[in-house]
Amino acid sequence: MKRLQDLLDYNLAWAQEKKSTEPDFFKNLSKQQTPNFLWIGCSDSRVPETQISQQNPGDIFVHRNIANLVLHSDMNLQSVLQYAVEVLKVGHVIVCGHYGCGGIKAALEDQKLGLIDNWLRNIKDLYQLHKEEIDSFEKESERVNRLSELNVEQQVRYVCDNPFVRSEWASGRDLWVHGWVYDLETGLIKDLEVTVGKKDCV
């Protein structure tokens, strides 16, 4: 198991190597933040957005929570979304779930975990809407993965209904919303092909 000090040691080694290969990297990075992407992902530690998409620090503005939910009552998410589209002017909002999601599995199995049960209520409701389809899969992993896909599609709709996003579209700005799922077993991202732009919603 890694020690806390290991993280600091790794940071020092990384910063030194980065500075030796790209002397102006940190100087340029500190000047401004101009990402073109907002990534709304799961808190799962196995899904590092910049690493799996081979991006650099500063390329992706990020919000992560359990099961990548876009809730109107979540002021943290709403603040991040507003800042991303109105101030940073990102061109793409990506909702990215992942197969084998623990939050999805807990909601599907109706496990009693305490406070998080309230957070997962939305996924439990989504399961009830698609119960016949999901229950038709024999394997638990298939049921979890299908609900993960349906959850991403639902969150994409919530992003599209967001007043900040709709305001950007109404102004004529080119802004796109995408739904992806990351496969932990292959390392590949699947595009669910639910992309939405201003022409689809305004």
N, C-alpha and C. Protein backbone atom coordinates (compact mmCIF):
# COMPACT_ATOMS: atom_id res chain seq x y z
N MET A 1 0.84 -1.19 0.00
CA MET A 1 0.00 0.00 0.00
C MET A 1 0.88 1.25 0.00
N LYS A 2 0.51 2.20 -0.85
CA LYS A 2 1.28 3.44 -0.92
C LYS A 2 1.08 4.28 0.34
N ARG A 3 2.15 4.96 0.74
CA ARG A 3 2.09 5.87 1.87
C ARG A 3 1.73 7.27 1.38
N LEU A 4 1.26 8.09 2.28
CA LEU A 4 0.94 9.47 1.92
C LEU A 4 2.17 10.18 1.40
N GLN A 5 3.33 9.93 1.98
CA GLN A 5 4.56 10.57 1.56
C GLN A 5 4.92 10.19 0.13
N ASP A 6 4.51 8.97 -0.28
CA ASP A 6 4.78 8.55 -1.65
C ASP A 6 4.16 9.51 -2.66
N LEU A 7 2.97 10.00 -2.34
CA LEU A 7 2.29 10.92 -3.26
C LEU A 7 3.09 12.20 -3.43
N LEU A 8 3.64 12.70 -2.34
CA LEU A 8 4.45 13.91 -2.41
C LEU A 8 5.75 13.65 -3.16
N ASP A 9 6.33 12.48 -2.96
CA ASP A 9 7.56 12.13 -3.67
C ASP A 9 7.31 11.99 -5.16
N TYR A 10 6.18 11.36 -5.50
CA TYR A 10 5.83 11.20 -6.91
C TYR A 10 5.58 12.55 -7.57
N ASN A 11 4.94 13.45 -6.81
CA ASN A 11 4.67 14.79 -7.32
C ASN A 11 5.97 15.52 -7.63
N LEU A 12 6.93 15.43 -6.74
CA LEU A 12 8.22 16.09 -6.94
C LEU A 12 8.91 15.54 -8.17
N ALA A 13 8.92 14.23 -8.31
CA ALA A 13 9.57 13.60 -9.46
C ALA A 13 8.87 14.00 -10.76
N TRP A 14 7.54 14.03 -10.73
CA TRP A 14 6.78 14.40 -11.92
C TRP A 14 7.04 15.85 -12.31
N ALA A 15 7.01 16.75 -11.33
CA ALA A 15 7.22 18.17 -11.61
C ALA A 15 8.62 18.43 -12.16
N GLN A 16 9.60 17.75 -11.60
CA GLN A 16 10.97 17.92 -12.07
C GLN A 16 11.14 17.40 -13.50
N GLU A 17 10.54 16.24 -13.77
CA GLU A 17 10.64 15.68 -15.12
C GLU A 17 9.92 16.56 -16.14
N LYS A 18 8.74 17.06 -15.75
CA LYS A 18 7.96 17.92 -16.64
C LYS A 18 8.72 19.20 -16.97
N LYS A 19 9.36 19.76 -15.96
CA LYS A 19 10.10 21.01 -16.16
C LYS A 19 11.33 20.79 -17.03
N SER A 20 11.92 19.61 -16.93
CA SER A 20 13.12 19.34 -17.73
C SER A 20 12.78 19.10 -19.20
N THR A 21 11.60 18.54 -19.45
CA THR A 21 11.20 18.26 -20.84
C THR A 21 10.44 19.42 -21.46
N GLU A 22 9.68 20.17 -20.63
CA GLU A 22 8.92 21.32 -21.11
C GLU A 22 9.14 22.48 -20.13
N PRO A 23 10.23 23.22 -20.28
CA PRO A 23 10.61 24.26 -19.31
C PRO A 23 9.52 25.29 -19.00
N ASP A 24 8.67 25.61 -19.98
CA ASP A 24 7.64 26.64 -19.77
C ASP A 24 6.27 26.07 -19.43
N PHE A 25 6.19 24.76 -19.20
CA PHE A 25 4.88 24.12 -19.00
C PHE A 25 4.10 24.76 -17.85
N PHE A 26 4.69 24.83 -16.66
CA PHE A 26 3.96 25.35 -15.50
C PHE A 26 3.73 26.85 -15.59
N LYS A 27 4.67 27.55 -16.19
CA LYS A 27 4.51 28.99 -16.37
C LYS A 27 3.30 29.28 -17.26
N ASN A 28 3.20 28.54 -18.36
CA ASN A 28 2.07 28.73 -19.28
C ASN A 28 0.76 28.26 -18.66
N LEU A 29 0.82 27.14 -17.93
CA LEU A 29 -0.38 26.58 -17.33
C LEU A 29 -0.98 27.52 -16.28
N SER A 30 -0.12 28.24 -15.57
CA SER A 30 -0.58 29.10 -14.49
C SER A 30 -1.23 30.39 -14.98
N LYS A 31 -1.04 30.71 -16.26
CA LYS A 31 -1.54 31.98 -16.78
C LYS A 31 -3.05 32.00 -16.97
N GLN A 32 -3.61 30.90 -17.44
CA GLN A 32 -5.04 30.89 -17.71
C GLN A 32 -5.57 29.47 -17.79
N GLN A 33 -6.91 29.37 -17.68
CA GLN A 33 -7.58 28.08 -17.81
C GLN A 33 -8.53 28.18 -19.00
N THR A 34 -8.23 27.43 -20.07
CA THR A 34 -9.06 27.50 -21.27
C THR A 34 -9.42 26.10 -21.77
N PRO A 35 -10.06 25.28 -20.95
CA PRO A 35 -10.44 23.94 -21.41
C PRO A 35 -11.58 24.02 -22.42
N ASN A 36 -11.63 23.05 -23.32
CA ASN A 36 -12.72 22.98 -24.28
C ASN A 36 -13.76 21.95 -23.86
N PHE A 37 -13.47 21.23 -22.77
CA PHE A 37 -14.35 20.14 -22.35
C PHE A 37 -14.72 20.26 -20.87
N LEU A 38 -15.99 19.99 -20.57
CA LEU A 38 -16.42 19.74 -19.20
C LEU A 38 -16.72 18.25 -19.10
N TRP A 39 -16.09 17.59 -18.16
CA TRP A 39 -16.28 16.15 -17.94
C TRP A 39 -17.07 15.95 -16.66
N ILE A 40 -18.25 15.37 -16.78
CA ILE A 40 -19.05 15.01 -15.61
C ILE A 40 -18.96 13.50 -15.47
N GLY A 41 -18.18 13.05 -14.50
CA GLY A 41 -17.90 11.63 -14.38
C GLY A 41 -18.17 11.09 -13.00
N CYS A 42 -17.92 9.81 -12.86
CA CYS A 42 -18.09 9.12 -11.58
C CYS A 42 -16.86 9.34 -10.70
N SER A 43 -17.07 9.31 -9.39
CA SER A 43 -15.97 9.49 -8.45
C SER A 43 -15.01 8.31 -8.40
N ASP A 44 -15.38 7.22 -9.04
CA ASP A 44 -14.56 6.00 -9.02
C ASP A 44 -13.11 6.30 -9.37
N SER A 45 -12.19 5.84 -8.52
CA SER A 45 -10.76 6.15 -8.70
C SER A 45 -10.14 5.46 -9.90
N ARG A 46 -10.88 4.54 -10.51
CA ARG A 46 -10.34 3.81 -11.67
C ARG A 46 -10.63 4.49 -13.00
N VAL A 47 -11.24 5.67 -12.94
CA VAL A 47 -11.60 6.37 -14.18
C VAL A 47 -10.97 7.76 -14.19
N PRO A 48 -9.67 7.85 -14.40
CA PRO A 48 -8.98 9.14 -14.45
C PRO A 48 -9.14 9.79 -15.83
N GLU A 49 -9.99 10.78 -15.91
CA GLU A 49 -10.40 11.33 -17.21
C GLU A 49 -9.26 11.80 -18.10
N THR A 50 -8.28 12.50 -17.55
CA THR A 50 -7.20 12.99 -18.41
C THR A 50 -6.31 11.86 -18.91
N GLN A 51 -6.15 10.85 -18.08
CA GLN A 51 -5.29 9.73 -18.48
C GLN A 51 -5.93 8.87 -19.55
N ILE A 52 -7.21 8.54 -19.40
CA ILE A 52 -7.84 7.65 -20.38
C ILE A 52 -8.12 8.35 -21.70
N SER A 53 -8.12 9.68 -21.70
CA SER A 53 -8.32 10.43 -22.95
C SER A 53 -7.02 11.07 -23.43
N GLN A 54 -5.94 10.79 -22.73
CA GLN A 54 -4.60 11.26 -23.08
C GLN A 54 -4.56 12.79 -23.24
N GLN A 55 -5.08 13.47 -22.22
CA GLN A 55 -5.10 14.92 -22.21
C GLN A 55 -4.13 15.45 -21.15
N ASN A 56 -3.78 16.71 -21.27
CA ASN A 56 -2.86 17.36 -20.34
C ASN A 56 -3.62 18.13 -19.27
N PRO A 57 -2.97 18.47 -18.17
CA PRO A 57 -3.60 19.36 -17.19
C PRO A 57 -4.06 20.64 -17.88
N GLY A 58 -5.26 21.07 -17.57
CA GLY A 58 -5.80 22.28 -18.19
C GLY A 58 -6.70 22.02 -19.38
N ASP A 59 -6.71 20.78 -19.88
CA ASP A 59 -7.51 20.47 -21.07
C ASP A 59 -8.97 20.15 -20.74
N ILE A 60 -9.22 19.66 -19.53
CA ILE A 60 -10.57 19.22 -19.16
C ILE A 60 -10.97 19.82 -17.82
N PHE A 61 -12.11 20.48 -17.79
CA PHE A 61 -12.71 20.96 -16.54
C PHE A 61 -13.55 19.80 -16.02
N VAL A 62 -13.46 19.51 -14.72
CA VAL A 62 -14.00 18.24 -14.22
C VAL A 62 -14.95 18.41 -13.04
N HIS A 63 -16.02 17.63 -13.10
CA HIS A 63 -16.89 17.44 -11.93
C HIS A 63 -17.14 15.94 -11.81
N ARG A 64 -16.94 15.41 -10.60
CA ARG A 64 -17.16 13.99 -10.40
C ARG A 64 -18.01 13.76 -9.15
N ASN A 65 -18.92 12.81 -9.24
CA ASN A 65 -19.70 12.40 -8.08
C ASN A 65 -20.08 10.93 -8.25
N ILE A 66 -20.64 10.34 -7.23
CA ILE A 66 -21.00 8.93 -7.31
C ILE A 66 -22.07 8.72 -8.38
N ALA A 67 -21.74 7.88 -9.37
CA ALA A 67 -22.63 7.51 -10.47
C ALA A 67 -22.91 8.64 -11.45
N ASN A 68 -22.02 9.65 -11.49
CA ASN A 68 -22.09 10.73 -12.48
C ASN A 68 -23.50 11.30 -12.68
N LEU A 69 -24.11 11.76 -11.59
CA LEU A 69 -25.47 12.28 -11.66
C LEU A 69 -25.48 13.79 -11.90
N VAL A 70 -26.49 14.23 -12.65
CA VAL A 70 -26.70 15.66 -12.93
C VAL A 70 -28.03 16.04 -12.30
N LEU A 71 -27.99 16.42 -11.03
CA LEU A 71 -29.22 16.70 -10.29
C LEU A 71 -29.45 18.20 -10.15
N HIS A 72 -30.69 18.62 -10.35
CA HIS A 72 -31.00 20.06 -10.25
C HIS A 72 -30.80 20.57 -8.84
N SER A 73 -30.84 19.66 -7.85
CA SER A 73 -30.69 20.06 -6.45
C SER A 73 -29.23 20.07 -5.98
N ASP A 74 -28.32 19.65 -6.82
CA ASP A 74 -26.90 19.59 -6.47
C ASP A 74 -26.25 20.93 -6.85
N MET A 75 -26.09 21.80 -5.88
CA MET A 75 -25.55 23.13 -6.16
C MET A 75 -24.09 23.09 -6.60
N ASN A 76 -23.36 22.08 -6.16
CA ASN A 76 -21.97 21.93 -6.60
C ASN A 76 -21.95 21.68 -8.12
N LEU A 77 -22.70 20.69 -8.55
CA LEU A 77 -22.77 20.38 -9.99
C LEU A 77 -23.29 21.56 -10.78
N GLN A 78 -24.35 22.19 -10.29
CA GLN A 78 -24.94 23.31 -11.01
C GLN A 78 -23.96 24.47 -11.14
N SER A 79 -23.18 24.72 -10.10
CA SER A 79 -22.18 25.79 -10.14
C SER A 79 -21.07 25.47 -11.15
N VAL A 80 -20.62 24.23 -11.14
CA VAL A 80 -19.59 23.81 -12.09
C VAL A 80 -20.10 23.94 -13.52
N LEU A 81 -21.32 23.48 -13.76
CA LEU A 81 -21.89 23.54 -15.11
C LEU A 81 -22.05 24.97 -15.59
N GLN A 82 -22.56 25.84 -14.71
CA GLN A 82 -22.72 27.24 -15.10
C GLN A 82 -21.37 27.88 -15.41
N TYR A 83 -20.40 27.67 -14.55
CA TYR A 83 -19.08 28.26 -14.77
C TYR A 83 -18.45 27.74 -16.06
N ALA A 84 -18.62 26.46 -16.33
CA ALA A 84 -18.02 25.86 -17.52
C ALA A 84 -18.60 26.44 -18.80
N VAL A 85 -19.94 26.57 -18.86
CA VAL A 85 -20.55 27.02 -20.11
C VAL A 85 -20.60 28.53 -20.25
N GLU A 86 -20.74 29.25 -19.13
CA GLU A 86 -20.88 30.70 -19.23
C GLU A 86 -19.55 31.45 -19.15
N VAL A 87 -18.62 30.96 -18.35
CA VAL A 87 -17.36 31.66 -18.15
C VAL A 87 -16.23 31.04 -18.97
N LEU A 88 -16.04 29.75 -18.80
CA LEU A 88 -14.96 29.08 -19.55
C LEU A 88 -15.32 28.88 -21.02
N LYS A 89 -16.62 28.89 -21.32
CA LYS A 89 -17.11 28.73 -22.69
C LYS A 89 -16.63 27.41 -23.32
N VAL A 90 -16.75 26.32 -22.56
CA VAL A 90 -16.39 25.02 -23.12
C VAL A 90 -17.27 24.73 -24.32
N GLY A 91 -16.75 23.96 -25.24
CA GLY A 91 -17.52 23.61 -26.43
C GLY A 91 -18.25 22.28 -26.30
N HIS A 92 -17.82 21.48 -25.31
CA HIS A 92 -18.40 20.15 -25.16
C HIS A 92 -18.60 19.81 -23.69
N VAL A 93 -19.78 19.29 -23.36
CA VAL A 93 -20.06 18.73 -22.04
C VAL A 93 -20.17 17.22 -22.22
N ILE A 94 -19.34 16.49 -21.50
CA ILE A 94 -19.32 15.04 -21.62
C ILE A 94 -19.79 14.42 -20.31
N VAL A 95 -20.87 13.65 -20.37
CA VAL A 95 -21.29 12.85 -19.22
C VAL A 95 -20.72 11.46 -19.45
N CYS A 96 -19.84 11.01 -18.56
CA CYS A 96 -19.18 9.72 -18.76
C CYS A 96 -19.38 8.82 -17.55
N GLY A 97 -20.14 7.75 -17.74
CA GLY A 97 -20.28 6.73 -16.72
C GLY A 97 -19.28 5.63 -16.98
N HIS A 98 -19.41 4.53 -16.26
CA HIS A 98 -18.51 3.40 -16.53
C HIS A 98 -19.18 2.09 -16.17
N TYR A 99 -18.78 1.06 -16.87
CA TYR A 99 -19.30 -0.27 -16.58
C TYR A 99 -18.75 -0.75 -15.24
N GLY A 100 -19.53 -1.58 -14.56
CA GLY A 100 -19.10 -2.07 -13.25
C GLY A 100 -19.18 -1.03 -12.16
N CYS A 101 -20.04 -0.01 -12.34
CA CYS A 101 -20.15 1.09 -11.37
C CYS A 101 -20.77 0.60 -10.06
N GLY A 102 -20.09 0.84 -8.96
CA GLY A 102 -20.57 0.42 -7.66
C GLY A 102 -21.86 1.10 -7.25
N GLY A 103 -22.00 2.38 -7.61
CA GLY A 103 -23.23 3.10 -7.29
C GLY A 103 -24.42 2.53 -8.02
N ILE A 104 -24.23 2.22 -9.30
CA ILE A 104 -25.30 1.62 -10.10
C ILE A 104 -25.68 0.26 -9.53
N LYS A 105 -24.67 -0.52 -9.18
CA LYS A 105 -24.92 -1.86 -8.63
C LYS A 105 -25.69 -1.77 -7.32
N ALA A 106 -25.30 -0.84 -6.45
CA ALA A 106 -25.99 -0.68 -5.17
C ALA A 106 -27.45 -0.30 -5.37
N ALA A 107 -27.71 0.57 -6.33
CA ALA A 107 -29.09 0.98 -6.61
C ALA A 107 -29.89 -0.18 -7.18
N LEU A 108 -29.28 -0.95 -8.05
CA LEU A 108 -29.95 -2.08 -8.68
C LEU A 108 -30.30 -3.16 -7.67
N GLU A 109 -29.41 -3.39 -6.72
CA GLU A 109 -29.63 -4.43 -5.71
C GLU A 109 -30.41 -3.91 -4.51
N ASP A 110 -30.72 -2.61 -4.52
CA ASP A 110 -31.45 -1.97 -3.43
C ASP A 110 -30.77 -2.21 -2.09
N GLN A 111 -29.44 -2.06 -2.09
CA GLN A 111 -28.66 -2.20 -0.86
C GLN A 111 -28.94 -1.03 0.07
N LYS A 112 -28.85 -1.26 1.36
CA LYS A 112 -29.04 -0.21 2.35
C LYS A 112 -27.67 0.25 2.84
N LEU A 113 -27.27 1.44 2.41
CA LEU A 113 -25.92 1.92 2.70
C LEU A 113 -25.89 3.21 3.53
N GLY A 114 -27.07 3.72 3.88
CA GLY A 114 -27.10 4.94 4.68
C GLY A 114 -27.42 6.17 3.85
N LEU A 115 -26.67 7.24 4.07
CA LEU A 115 -26.92 8.52 3.42
C LEU A 115 -26.94 8.42 1.90
N ILE A 116 -26.06 7.57 1.36
CA ILE A 116 -25.96 7.46 -0.09
C ILE A 116 -27.24 6.91 -0.72
N ASP A 117 -28.09 6.25 0.07
CA ASP A 117 -29.35 5.74 -0.46
C ASP A 117 -30.19 6.86 -1.05
N ASN A 118 -30.15 8.04 -0.42
CA ASN A 118 -30.89 9.20 -0.94
C ASN A 118 -30.32 9.65 -2.28
N TRP A 119 -29.00 9.62 -2.38
CA TRP A 119 -28.34 10.04 -3.63
C TRP A 119 -28.70 9.09 -4.77
N LEU A 120 -28.78 7.80 -4.45
CA LEU A 120 -29.03 6.78 -5.48
C LEU A 120 -30.52 6.63 -5.82
N ARG A 121 -31.37 7.38 -5.13
CA ARG A 121 -32.81 7.27 -5.38
C ARG A 121 -33.15 7.48 -6.85
N ASN A 122 -32.45 8.40 -7.48
CA ASN A 122 -32.70 8.71 -8.89
C ASN A 122 -32.43 7.50 -9.77
N ILE A 123 -31.38 6.75 -9.45
CA ILE A 123 -31.04 5.57 -10.25
C ILE A 123 -32.04 4.46 -9.99
N LYS A 124 -32.50 4.34 -8.76
CA LYS A 124 -33.50 3.34 -8.44
C LYS A 124 -34.79 3.61 -9.21
N ASP A 125 -35.15 4.88 -9.31
CA ASP A 125 -36.34 5.25 -10.08
C ASP A 125 -36.14 4.93 -11.56
N LEU A 126 -34.94 5.19 -12.06
CA LEU A 126 -34.64 4.90 -13.46
C LEU A 126 -34.75 3.40 -13.73
N TYR A 127 -34.28 2.61 -12.78
CA TYR A 127 -34.38 1.15 -12.92
C TYR A 127 -35.84 0.72 -13.03
N GLN A 128 -36.72 1.30 -12.21
CA GLN A 128 -38.13 0.94 -12.26
C GLN A 128 -38.75 1.26 -13.62
N LEU A 129 -38.28 2.34 -14.23
CA LEU A 129 -38.79 2.72 -15.55
C LEU A 129 -38.38 1.72 -16.63
N HIS A 130 -37.25 1.07 -16.44
CA HIS A 130 -36.70 0.15 -17.44
C HIS A 130 -36.55 -1.27 -16.90
N LYS A 131 -37.34 -1.58 -15.89
CA LYS A 131 -37.19 -2.84 -15.16
C LYS A 131 -37.31 -4.06 -16.07
N GLU A 132 -38.27 -4.07 -16.96
CA GLU A 132 -38.48 -5.23 -17.83
C GLU A 132 -37.26 -5.50 -18.70
N GLU A 133 -36.70 -4.45 -19.30
CA GLU A 133 -35.52 -4.61 -20.15
C GLU A 133 -34.31 -5.06 -19.33
N ILE A 134 -34.07 -4.39 -18.23
CA ILE A 134 -32.88 -4.70 -17.43
C ILE A 134 -32.95 -6.11 -16.84
N ASP A 135 -34.11 -6.49 -16.35
CA ASP A 135 -34.26 -7.82 -15.76
C ASP A 135 -34.17 -8.94 -16.78
N SER A 136 -34.25 -8.59 -18.07
CA SER A 136 -34.17 -9.62 -19.11
C SER A 136 -32.75 -10.15 -19.30
N PHE A 137 -31.76 -9.42 -18.76
CA PHE A 137 -30.37 -9.89 -18.86
C PHE A 137 -30.11 -10.95 -17.78
N GLU A 138 -29.43 -12.01 -18.17
CA GLU A 138 -29.17 -13.11 -17.24
C GLU A 138 -28.13 -12.75 -16.19
N LYS A 139 -27.03 -12.12 -16.63
CA LYS A 139 -25.92 -11.84 -15.72
C LYS A 139 -26.11 -10.50 -15.00
N GLU A 140 -25.69 -10.48 -13.74
CA GLU A 140 -25.77 -9.24 -12.98
C GLU A 140 -24.93 -8.14 -13.64
N SER A 141 -23.75 -8.51 -14.14
CA SER A 141 -22.88 -7.53 -14.77
C SER A 141 -23.55 -6.88 -15.97
N GLU A 142 -24.32 -7.65 -16.71
CA GLU A 142 -25.03 -7.11 -17.88
C GLU A 142 -26.13 -6.15 -17.44
N ARG A 143 -26.80 -6.48 -16.34
CA ARG A 143 -27.86 -5.60 -15.83
C ARG A 143 -27.25 -4.27 -15.33
N VAL A 144 -26.14 -4.39 -14.61
CA VAL A 144 -25.46 -3.19 -14.11
C VAL A 144 -24.98 -2.32 -15.27
N ASN A 145 -24.39 -2.94 -16.28
CA ASN A 145 -23.85 -2.18 -17.40
C ASN A 145 -24.94 -1.50 -18.23
N ARG A 146 -26.07 -2.20 -18.39
CA ARG A 146 -27.16 -1.58 -19.16
C ARG A 146 -27.75 -0.40 -18.39
N LEU A 147 -27.90 -0.56 -17.07
CA LEU A 147 -28.41 0.55 -16.27
C LEU A 147 -27.42 1.71 -16.27
N SER A 148 -26.13 1.41 -16.34
CA SER A 148 -25.11 2.46 -16.43
C SER A 148 -25.31 3.28 -17.70
N GLU A 149 -25.59 2.59 -18.81
CA GLU A 149 -25.83 3.28 -20.08
C GLU A 149 -27.09 4.14 -20.00
N LEU A 150 -28.17 3.56 -19.48
CA LEU A 150 -29.42 4.31 -19.36
C LEU A 150 -29.26 5.52 -18.44
N ASN A 151 -28.46 5.36 -17.41
CA ASN A 151 -28.21 6.47 -16.49
C ASN A 151 -27.49 7.62 -17.20
N VAL A 152 -26.48 7.29 -18.00
CA VAL A 152 -25.76 8.33 -18.74
C VAL A 152 -26.73 9.05 -19.68
N GLU A 153 -27.55 8.30 -20.38
CA GLU A 153 -28.51 8.92 -21.30
C GLU A 153 -29.45 9.86 -20.55
N GLN A 154 -29.87 9.45 -19.36
CA GLN A 154 -30.75 10.30 -18.55
C GLN A 154 -30.04 11.57 -18.12
N GLN A 155 -28.79 11.46 -17.71
CA GLN A 155 -28.04 12.64 -17.26
C GLN A 155 -27.76 13.60 -18.42
N VAL A 156 -27.58 13.06 -19.62
CA VAL A 156 -27.42 13.91 -20.81
C VAL A 156 -28.69 14.75 -20.99
N ARG A 157 -29.85 14.13 -20.82
CA ARG A 157 -31.10 14.88 -20.94
C ARG A 157 -31.19 15.97 -19.90
N TYR A 158 -30.72 15.67 -18.68
CA TYR A 158 -30.75 16.68 -17.62
C TYR A 158 -29.83 17.86 -17.94
N VAL A 159 -28.67 17.56 -18.51
CA VAL A 159 -27.76 18.65 -18.93
C VAL A 159 -28.45 19.52 -19.97
N CYS A 160 -29.10 18.86 -20.92
CA CYS A 160 -29.76 19.61 -22.00
C CYS A 160 -30.93 20.45 -21.50
N ASP A 161 -31.54 20.04 -20.41
CA ASP A 161 -32.65 20.80 -19.84
C ASP A 161 -32.17 21.92 -18.91
N ASN A 162 -30.89 21.95 -18.64
CA ASN A 162 -30.34 22.94 -17.71
C ASN A 162 -30.50 24.36 -18.28
N PRO A 163 -30.97 25.30 -17.48
CA PRO A 163 -31.20 26.66 -17.99
C PRO A 163 -29.93 27.36 -18.49
N PHE A 164 -28.77 27.06 -17.88
CA PHE A 164 -27.54 27.68 -18.33
C PHE A 164 -27.15 27.18 -19.72
N VAL A 165 -27.33 25.90 -19.92
CA VAL A 165 -27.02 25.31 -21.23
C VAL A 165 -28.00 25.82 -22.28
N ARG A 166 -29.27 25.85 -21.93
CA ARG A 166 -30.28 26.31 -22.89
C ARG A 166 -30.09 27.79 -23.23
N SER A 167 -29.63 28.56 -22.27
CA SER A 167 -29.36 29.98 -22.52
C SER A 167 -28.23 30.14 -23.53
N GLU A 168 -27.19 29.30 -23.40
CA GLU A 168 -26.09 29.35 -24.36
C GLU A 168 -26.57 28.99 -25.75
N TRP A 169 -27.41 27.98 -25.84
CA TRP A 169 -27.96 27.59 -27.14
C TRP A 169 -28.83 28.71 -27.72
N ALA A 170 -29.63 29.34 -26.87
CA ALA A 170 -30.51 30.41 -27.33
C ALA A 170 -29.71 31.58 -27.88
N SER A 171 -28.49 31.77 -27.35
CA SER A 171 -27.65 32.86 -27.83
C SER A 171 -26.98 32.51 -29.16
N GLY A 172 -27.14 31.26 -29.57
CA GLY A 172 -26.56 30.83 -30.84
C GLY A 172 -25.21 30.16 -30.73
N ARG A 173 -24.75 29.96 -29.50
CA ARG A 173 -23.42 29.37 -29.33
C ARG A 173 -23.40 27.89 -29.66
N ASP A 174 -22.27 27.47 -30.22
CA ASP A 174 -22.06 26.08 -30.59
C ASP A 174 -21.60 25.30 -29.36
N LEU A 175 -22.50 24.55 -28.76
CA LEU A 175 -22.22 23.79 -27.55
C LEU A 175 -22.81 22.40 -27.71
N TRP A 176 -22.03 21.40 -27.39
CA TRP A 176 -22.46 20.01 -27.59
C TRP A 176 -22.45 19.24 -26.29
N VAL A 177 -23.43 18.34 -26.14
CA VAL A 177 -23.53 17.49 -24.96
C VAL A 177 -23.43 16.03 -25.41
N HIS A 178 -22.58 15.26 -24.75
CA HIS A 178 -22.30 13.89 -25.18
C HIS A 178 -22.50 12.91 -24.03
N GLY A 179 -22.81 11.66 -24.35
CA GLY A 179 -22.92 10.59 -23.37
C GLY A 179 -21.98 9.45 -23.70
N TRP A 180 -21.06 9.17 -22.78
CA TRP A 180 -20.07 8.11 -22.98
C TRP A 180 -20.09 7.14 -21.80
N VAL A 181 -19.56 5.94 -22.05
CA VAL A 181 -19.36 4.97 -20.98
C VAL A 181 -17.96 4.39 -21.12
N TYR A 182 -17.24 4.31 -20.02
CA TYR A 182 -15.89 3.78 -20.01
C TYR A 182 -15.92 2.32 -19.55
N ASP A 183 -15.21 1.48 -20.29
CA ASP A 183 -15.14 0.05 -19.97
C ASP A 183 -13.85 -0.22 -19.19
N LEU A 184 -13.99 -0.56 -17.92
CA LEU A 184 -12.83 -0.81 -17.07
C LEU A 184 -12.01 -2.01 -17.55
N GLU A 185 -12.66 -2.97 -18.21
CA GLU A 185 -11.97 -4.20 -18.60
C GLU A 185 -11.16 -4.05 -19.88
N THR A 186 -11.50 -3.07 -20.70
CA THR A 186 -10.77 -2.88 -21.97
C THR A 186 -10.02 -1.56 -22.03
N GLY A 187 -10.40 -0.61 -21.17
CA GLY A 187 -9.79 0.72 -21.23
C GLY A 187 -10.37 1.60 -22.32
N LEU A 188 -11.45 1.15 -22.94
CA LEU A 188 -12.02 1.89 -24.07
C LEU A 188 -13.27 2.65 -23.67
N ILE A 189 -13.46 3.80 -24.31
CA ILE A 189 -14.66 4.61 -24.11
C ILE A 189 -15.66 4.30 -25.22
N LYS A 190 -16.90 4.09 -24.83
CA LYS A 190 -17.98 3.84 -25.80
C LYS A 190 -18.84 5.10 -25.92
N ASP A 191 -18.98 5.57 -27.14
CA ASP A 191 -19.87 6.70 -27.41
C ASP A 191 -21.29 6.15 -27.54
N LEU A 192 -22.20 6.58 -26.68
CA LEU A 192 -23.57 6.08 -26.72
C LEU A 192 -24.40 6.73 -27.83
N GLU A 193 -23.79 7.64 -28.55
CA GLU A 193 -24.43 8.29 -29.71
C GLU A 193 -25.74 8.99 -29.31
N VAL A 194 -25.65 9.74 -28.24
CA VAL A 194 -26.78 10.54 -27.80
C VAL A 194 -26.40 12.02 -27.79
N THR A 195 -25.46 12.39 -28.64
CA THR A 195 -24.97 13.77 -28.70
C THR A 195 -26.09 14.74 -29.07
N VAL A 196 -26.11 15.86 -28.36
CA VAL A 196 -27.14 16.89 -28.59
C VAL A 196 -26.46 18.24 -28.76
N GLY A 197 -26.94 19.02 -29.74
CA GLY A 197 -26.45 20.38 -29.97
C GLY A 197 -27.61 21.35 -30.02
N LYS A 198 -27.33 22.61 -30.26
CA LYS A 198 -28.37 23.63 -30.20
C LYS A 198 -29.49 23.40 -31.21
N LYS A 199 -29.14 22.83 -32.36
CA LYS A 199 -30.17 22.60 -33.39
C LYS A 199 -31.19 21.57 -32.96
N ASP A 200 -30.82 20.73 -31.98
CA ASP A 200 -31.72 19.68 -31.51
C ASP A 200 -32.66 20.14 -30.42
N CYS A 201 -32.32 21.27 -29.77
CA CYS A 201 -33.07 21.67 -28.57
C CYS A 201 -33.65 23.06 -28.60
N VAL A 202 -33.29 23.87 -29.57
CA VAL A 202 -33.78 25.25 -29.56
C VAL A 202 -34.66 25.49 -30.78
